[in-house]
């Protein structure tokens, strides 16, 4: 049997995520080969994300490698994948999702304890906008680089605290003190906490991956991505949402700041299409 060439970014977190996919494949009898791919997001570690106009800076190089048959599958953080992907490709598999909350890395026990005018490190428009609703005195400092780099800058005192995705902290085994933010007060990026696998539709491995996908996660993340697509946004808009499938119903909570107005919706329905349609109508 041919090896499945598994492409992913070369960062520590990306490798850990790729290893999770590799383990599933190997447990199902497949041989694998890891192929590290350097993306534009890896090369440019200084420009704040909201200033980069190009979408998919963490995935485009991987998609190109797929299209050129240099790899068989590409492993991504689902939140990094644009809602528009090349026609020849598809997200065929999701791994079971981690709870997608955000965290503030700080030695303080609560947000109220964080000093006035503290410097908070993040390059996320969503995180800046949502945290500003709680504390409008904070000074936000653009912070890029891998998780270890950002934590090192916090320890060096360059910033007083940093905002990060909880699942990344968990996967890396980081034990720094943190404040866990409530998902319904601080909704995550669509797809946050989920690992997904992109593949060529023509690949002989396509059906295999589809059968290995965690269906609950697939439905939840696709619901979130559907709403993001309707809003026409990416990482440059102050928008977060969280979908959860429970008892054959889909619950969708979303928060969007537009024209300085905070808009929140919580819809429960029978299908992703139903809840997305209703959420979109209320948000706009």
Protein backbone atom coordinates (compact mmCIF):
# COMPACT_ATOMS: atom_id res chain seq x y z
CA UNK A 1 0.00 0.00 0.00
CA UNK A 2 1.28 3.50 -0.88
CA UNK A 3 2.17 5.83 1.95
CA UNK A 4 -0.17 8.71 2.69
CA UNK A 5 1.94 11.86 2.50
CA UNK A 6 0.72 14.08 5.35
CA UNK A 7 1.44 17.78 4.87
CA UNK A 8 1.33 20.33 7.68
CA UNK A 9 3.13 23.41 8.88
CA UNK A 10 6.40 22.77 10.66
CA UNK A 11 5.55 24.47 13.96
CA UNK A 12 5.42 22.43 17.16
CA UNK A 13 1.64 22.77 17.42
CA UNK A 14 1.09 21.84 13.76
CA UNK A 15 3.25 18.75 14.16
CA UNK A 16 1.29 17.68 17.23
CA UNK A 17 -1.94 18.10 15.29
CA UNK A 18 -0.54 16.19 12.31
CA UNK A 19 0.55 13.38 14.66
CA UNK A 20 -3.05 13.02 15.83
CA UNK A 21 -4.15 12.49 12.21
CA UNK A 22 -1.23 10.15 11.53
CA UNK A 23 -2.14 8.04 14.57
CA UNK A 24 -5.72 7.61 13.31
CA UNK A 25 -4.50 6.64 9.84
CA UNK A 26 -1.91 4.19 11.14
CA UNK A 27 -4.44 2.64 13.54
CA UNK A 28 -6.53 1.97 10.43
CA UNK A 29 -3.68 0.16 8.69
CA UNK A 30 -2.13 2.95 6.60
CA UNK A 31 1.52 3.88 6.34
CA UNK A 32 2.29 7.60 6.48
CA UNK A 33 5.03 10.09 5.71
CA UNK A 34 5.14 13.56 7.29
CA UNK A 35 5.94 16.44 4.91
CA UNK A 36 6.54 19.86 6.55
CA UNK A 37 5.39 22.85 4.49
CA UNK A 38 6.34 26.47 5.18
CA UNK A 39 3.48 28.93 4.66
CA UNK A 40 3.37 32.70 4.19
CA UNK A 41 2.11 32.98 7.76
CA UNK A 42 5.26 31.20 8.94
CA UNK A 43 7.58 33.42 6.90
CA UNK A 44 5.95 36.70 7.96
CA UNK A 45 5.87 36.60 11.75
CA UNK A 46 5.71 40.34 12.36
CA UNK A 47 2.78 41.82 10.38
CA UNK A 48 -0.43 41.85 12.46
CA UNK A 49 -2.96 39.44 10.94
CA UNK A 50 -5.59 42.15 10.42
CA UNK A 51 -3.14 44.06 8.20
CA UNK A 52 -2.57 41.10 5.87
CA UNK A 53 -5.18 41.38 3.12
CA UNK A 54 -4.55 37.92 1.68
CA UNK A 55 -6.77 35.17 3.07
CA UNK A 56 -5.50 31.76 4.08
CA UNK A 57 -1.88 32.68 4.78
CA UNK A 58 -1.48 29.54 6.91
CA UNK A 59 -3.03 27.16 4.36
CA UNK A 60 -2.35 28.33 0.78
CA UNK A 61 1.09 26.73 0.51
CA UNK A 62 -0.39 23.45 1.74
CA UNK A 63 -3.23 23.68 -0.78
CA UNK A 64 -0.71 24.33 -3.55
CA UNK A 65 1.26 21.26 -2.48
CA UNK A 66 -1.98 19.25 -2.68
CA UNK A 67 -2.80 20.57 -6.14
CA UNK A 68 0.74 19.75 -7.34
CA UNK A 69 0.51 16.22 -5.85
CA UNK A 70 3.42 16.81 -3.50
CA UNK A 71 1.29 15.66 -0.56
CA UNK A 72 -1.85 13.54 -0.30
CA UNK A 73 -3.54 15.33 2.59
CA UNK A 74 -3.09 18.64 4.42
CA UNK A 75 -3.70 19.01 8.15
CA UNK A 76 -5.00 22.41 9.32
CA UNK A 77 -6.40 24.18 12.32
CA UNK A 78 -9.96 24.54 11.03
CA UNK A 79 -10.11 28.20 12.10
CA UNK A 80 -7.28 29.01 9.64
CA UNK A 81 -9.06 27.65 6.56
CA UNK A 82 -10.88 30.27 4.43
CA UNK A 83 -14.52 29.57 3.60
CA UNK A 84 -13.57 29.58 -0.10
CA UNK A 85 -11.12 26.81 -1.07
CA UNK A 86 -9.98 25.58 -4.52
CA UNK A 87 -12.69 23.67 -6.38
CA UNK A 88 -10.50 20.58 -6.69
CA UNK A 89 -10.10 20.32 -2.92
CA UNK A 90 -12.36 19.54 0.03
CA UNK A 91 -12.20 19.29 3.80
CA UNK A 92 -12.94 15.59 4.07
CA UNK A 93 -12.20 14.83 7.70
CA UNK A 94 -12.50 16.41 11.13
CA UNK A 95 -11.06 15.13 14.38
CA UNK A 96 -13.12 15.34 17.54
CA UNK A 97 -13.06 18.94 18.65
CA UNK A 98 -11.58 20.33 21.84
CA UNK A 99 -13.73 22.82 23.76
CA UNK A 100 -12.92 26.03 21.82
CA UNK A 101 -12.63 28.62 24.59
CA UNK A 102 -10.02 31.41 24.65
CA UNK A 103 -7.71 32.05 27.59
CA UNK A 104 -5.83 35.02 28.99
CA UNK A 105 -2.34 34.00 30.10
CA UNK A 106 -1.77 36.04 33.26
CA UNK A 107 -0.77 35.63 36.89
CA UNK A 108 -3.96 37.43 37.91
CA UNK A 109 -6.90 35.34 39.13
CA UNK A 110 -9.60 37.32 37.31
CA UNK A 111 -9.96 39.96 34.64
CA UNK A 112 -10.77 42.56 37.28
CA UNK A 113 -7.38 41.95 38.90
CA UNK A 114 -5.46 42.77 35.71
CA UNK A 115 -3.95 46.26 36.23
CA UNK A 116 -5.45 49.30 34.54
CA UNK A 117 -3.97 50.08 31.13
CA UNK A 118 -2.27 46.69 31.02
CA UNK A 119 -0.63 45.68 27.74
CA UNK A 120 -2.46 42.71 26.22
CA UNK A 121 -0.76 40.78 23.44
CA UNK A 122 -2.91 39.62 20.49
CA UNK A 123 -3.16 40.18 16.74
CA UNK A 124 -6.82 39.12 16.57
CA UNK A 125 -9.44 41.73 15.67
CA UNK A 126 -12.08 39.54 17.31
CA UNK A 127 -10.19 39.21 20.59
CA UNK A 128 -9.42 42.93 20.77
CA UNK A 129 -13.04 43.88 20.09
CA UNK A 130 -14.59 41.39 22.50
CA UNK A 131 -12.15 42.01 25.36
CA UNK A 132 -12.61 45.77 24.95
CA UNK A 133 -16.27 45.29 25.84
CA UNK A 134 -15.13 44.06 29.26
CA UNK A 135 -12.15 46.37 29.79
CA UNK A 136 -11.82 49.40 27.54
CA UNK A 137 -8.71 50.61 29.37
CA UNK A 138 -6.42 47.88 28.04
CA UNK A 139 -3.65 48.66 25.57
CA UNK A 140 -3.48 46.01 22.85
CA UNK A 141 -0.08 45.05 21.46
CA UNK A 142 0.13 43.13 18.15
CA UNK A 143 1.75 39.79 18.91
CA UNK A 144 2.71 37.15 16.32
CA UNK A 145 4.81 34.00 16.35
CA UNK A 146 4.20 30.53 17.70
CA UNK A 147 2.69 29.97 21.14
CA UNK A 148 6.07 29.45 22.84
CA UNK A 149 7.35 32.73 21.36
CA UNK A 150 4.33 34.66 22.59
CA UNK A 151 4.57 33.19 26.07
CA UNK A 152 8.27 34.05 26.19
CA UNK A 153 7.43 37.69 25.37
CA UNK A 154 4.94 37.67 28.24
CA UNK A 155 7.55 36.27 30.63
CA UNK A 156 10.00 38.95 29.45
CA UNK A 157 7.47 41.63 30.39
CA UNK A 158 6.93 42.90 26.85
CA UNK A 159 3.20 42.45 27.53
CA UNK A 160 1.29 42.01 30.78
CA UNK A 161 -0.96 39.23 29.45
CA UNK A 162 -1.67 37.39 26.22
CA UNK A 163 -4.83 36.08 24.62
CA UNK A 164 -4.62 32.57 23.17
CA UNK A 165 -6.82 29.69 22.06
CA UNK A 166 -7.40 27.22 24.89
CA UNK A 167 -7.09 24.12 22.65
CA UNK A 168 -3.58 25.16 21.56
CA UNK A 169 -2.49 25.49 25.19
CA UNK A 170 -3.91 22.06 25.97
CA UNK A 171 -2.32 20.32 22.98
CA UNK A 172 1.08 21.81 23.76
CA UNK A 173 0.83 20.78 27.41
CA UNK A 174 1.41 24.35 28.61
CA UNK A 175 0.72 24.85 32.33
CA UNK A 176 0.98 28.64 32.62
CA UNK A 177 -1.63 30.36 34.84
CA UNK A 178 -4.62 31.58 32.87
CA UNK A 179 -8.16 32.90 32.97
CA UNK A 180 -10.60 30.78 30.94
CA UNK A 181 -13.07 32.95 29.02
CA UNK A 182 -16.70 31.89 28.78
CA UNK A 183 -17.61 30.75 25.26
CA UNK A 184 -20.95 32.56 25.38
CA UNK A 185 -19.42 35.87 26.46
CA UNK A 186 -16.33 35.52 24.29
CA UNK A 187 -17.29 33.30 21.34
CA UNK A 188 -14.40 31.76 19.40
CA UNK A 189 -13.38 31.97 15.77
CA UNK A 190 -15.42 29.62 13.56
CA UNK A 191 -13.74 26.21 13.69
CA UNK A 192 -11.54 27.00 16.69
CA UNK A 193 -10.52 23.85 18.55
CA UNK A 194 -10.99 21.57 15.54
CA UNK A 195 -8.34 19.87 13.43
CA UNK A 196 -9.35 19.24 9.82
CA UNK A 197 -7.89 17.40 6.85
CA UNK A 198 -8.03 18.74 3.30
CA UNK A 199 -7.65 16.46 0.29
CA UNK A 200 -8.02 16.36 -3.49
CA UNK A 201 -11.51 15.19 -4.40
CA UNK A 202 -9.95 12.88 -6.99
CA UNK A 203 -7.70 11.19 -4.43
CA UNK A 204 -8.02 7.45 -3.83
CA UNK A 205 -7.93 8.29 -0.09
CA UNK A 206 -10.94 10.63 -0.27
CA UNK A 207 -13.66 8.14 0.80
CA UNK A 208 -11.40 6.72 3.50
CA UNK A 209 -11.05 10.13 5.12
CA UNK A 210 -14.77 10.86 4.84
CA UNK A 211 -15.51 7.65 6.72
CA UNK A 212 -13.01 8.52 9.46
CA UNK A 213 -14.41 12.02 10.06
CA UNK A 214 -15.93 12.85 13.47
CA UNK A 215 -19.44 13.65 12.29
CA UNK A 216 -20.56 15.77 15.26
CA UNK A 217 -17.54 18.05 14.90
CA UNK A 218 -18.02 18.16 11.13
CA UNK A 219 -21.61 19.38 11.46
CA UNK A 220 -20.75 21.94 14.16
CA UNK A 221 -17.76 23.45 12.36
CA UNK A 222 -19.48 23.48 8.97
CA UNK A 223 -22.36 25.38 10.58
CA UNK A 224 -19.97 28.01 11.92
CA UNK A 225 -18.16 28.27 8.59
CA UNK A 226 -21.46 28.62 6.77
CA UNK A 227 -22.40 31.64 8.86
CA UNK A 228 -18.96 33.21 8.42
CA UNK A 229 -19.24 32.76 4.65
CA UNK A 230 -22.65 34.48 4.58
CA UNK A 231 -21.19 37.42 6.50
CA UNK A 232 -18.39 37.58 3.94
CA UNK A 233 -15.69 37.75 6.57
CA UNK A 234 -12.45 36.21 7.66
CA UNK A 235 -10.10 36.99 10.52
CA UNK A 236 -10.46 40.74 9.87
CA UNK A 237 -13.97 41.14 11.31
CA UNK A 238 -14.98 41.19 15.00
CA UNK A 239 -17.08 38.03 14.81
CA UNK A 240 -17.21 34.82 16.81
CA UNK A 241 -19.61 31.91 16.96
CA UNK A 242 -20.10 28.50 18.50
CA UNK A 243 -22.32 25.69 17.23
CA UNK A 244 -23.20 22.60 19.24
CA UNK A 245 -25.09 19.51 18.13
CA UNK A 246 -27.12 17.98 20.95
CA UNK A 247 -30.20 15.73 20.98
CA UNK A 248 -30.45 15.99 17.16
CA UNK A 249 -30.76 19.79 17.35
CA UNK A 250 -28.15 22.35 16.40
CA UNK A 251 -27.57 25.32 18.69
CA UNK A 252 -25.76 28.34 17.25
CA UNK A 253 -24.54 31.29 19.30
CA UNK A 254 -22.92 34.22 17.50
CA UNK A 255 -21.62 37.67 18.32
CA UNK A 256 -20.78 40.38 15.80
CA UNK A 257 -19.71 43.97 16.29
CA UNK A 258 -20.62 46.24 13.41
CA UNK A 259 -20.84 50.04 13.34
CA UNK A 260 -19.95 49.96 17.06
CA UNK A 261 -23.10 47.97 17.80
CA UNK A 262 -22.84 44.59 19.55
CA UNK A 263 -25.16 42.04 18.01
CA UNK A 264 -25.74 38.66 19.67
CA UNK A 265 -27.94 35.78 18.57
CA UNK A 266 -28.67 32.31 19.93
CA UNK A 267 -30.66 30.07 17.60
CA UNK A 268 -31.69 26.43 18.07
CA UNK A 269 -33.03 24.50 15.10
CA UNK A 270 -33.29 21.22 13.23
CA UNK A 271 -30.58 21.85 10.62
CA UNK A 272 -27.45 23.95 10.06
CA UNK A 273 -29.13 25.73 7.14
CA UNK A 274 -32.07 26.76 9.33
CA UNK A 275 -30.01 28.16 12.21
CA UNK A 276 -27.54 29.91 9.91
CA UNK A 277 -30.33 31.61 7.95
CA UNK A 278 -32.02 32.87 11.13
CA UNK A 279 -28.73 33.93 12.76
CA UNK A 280 -27.65 35.83 9.65
CA UNK A 281 -30.94 37.69 9.42
CA UNK A 282 -30.68 38.79 13.04
CA UNK A 283 -27.01 39.76 12.83
CA UNK A 284 -27.41 42.02 9.82
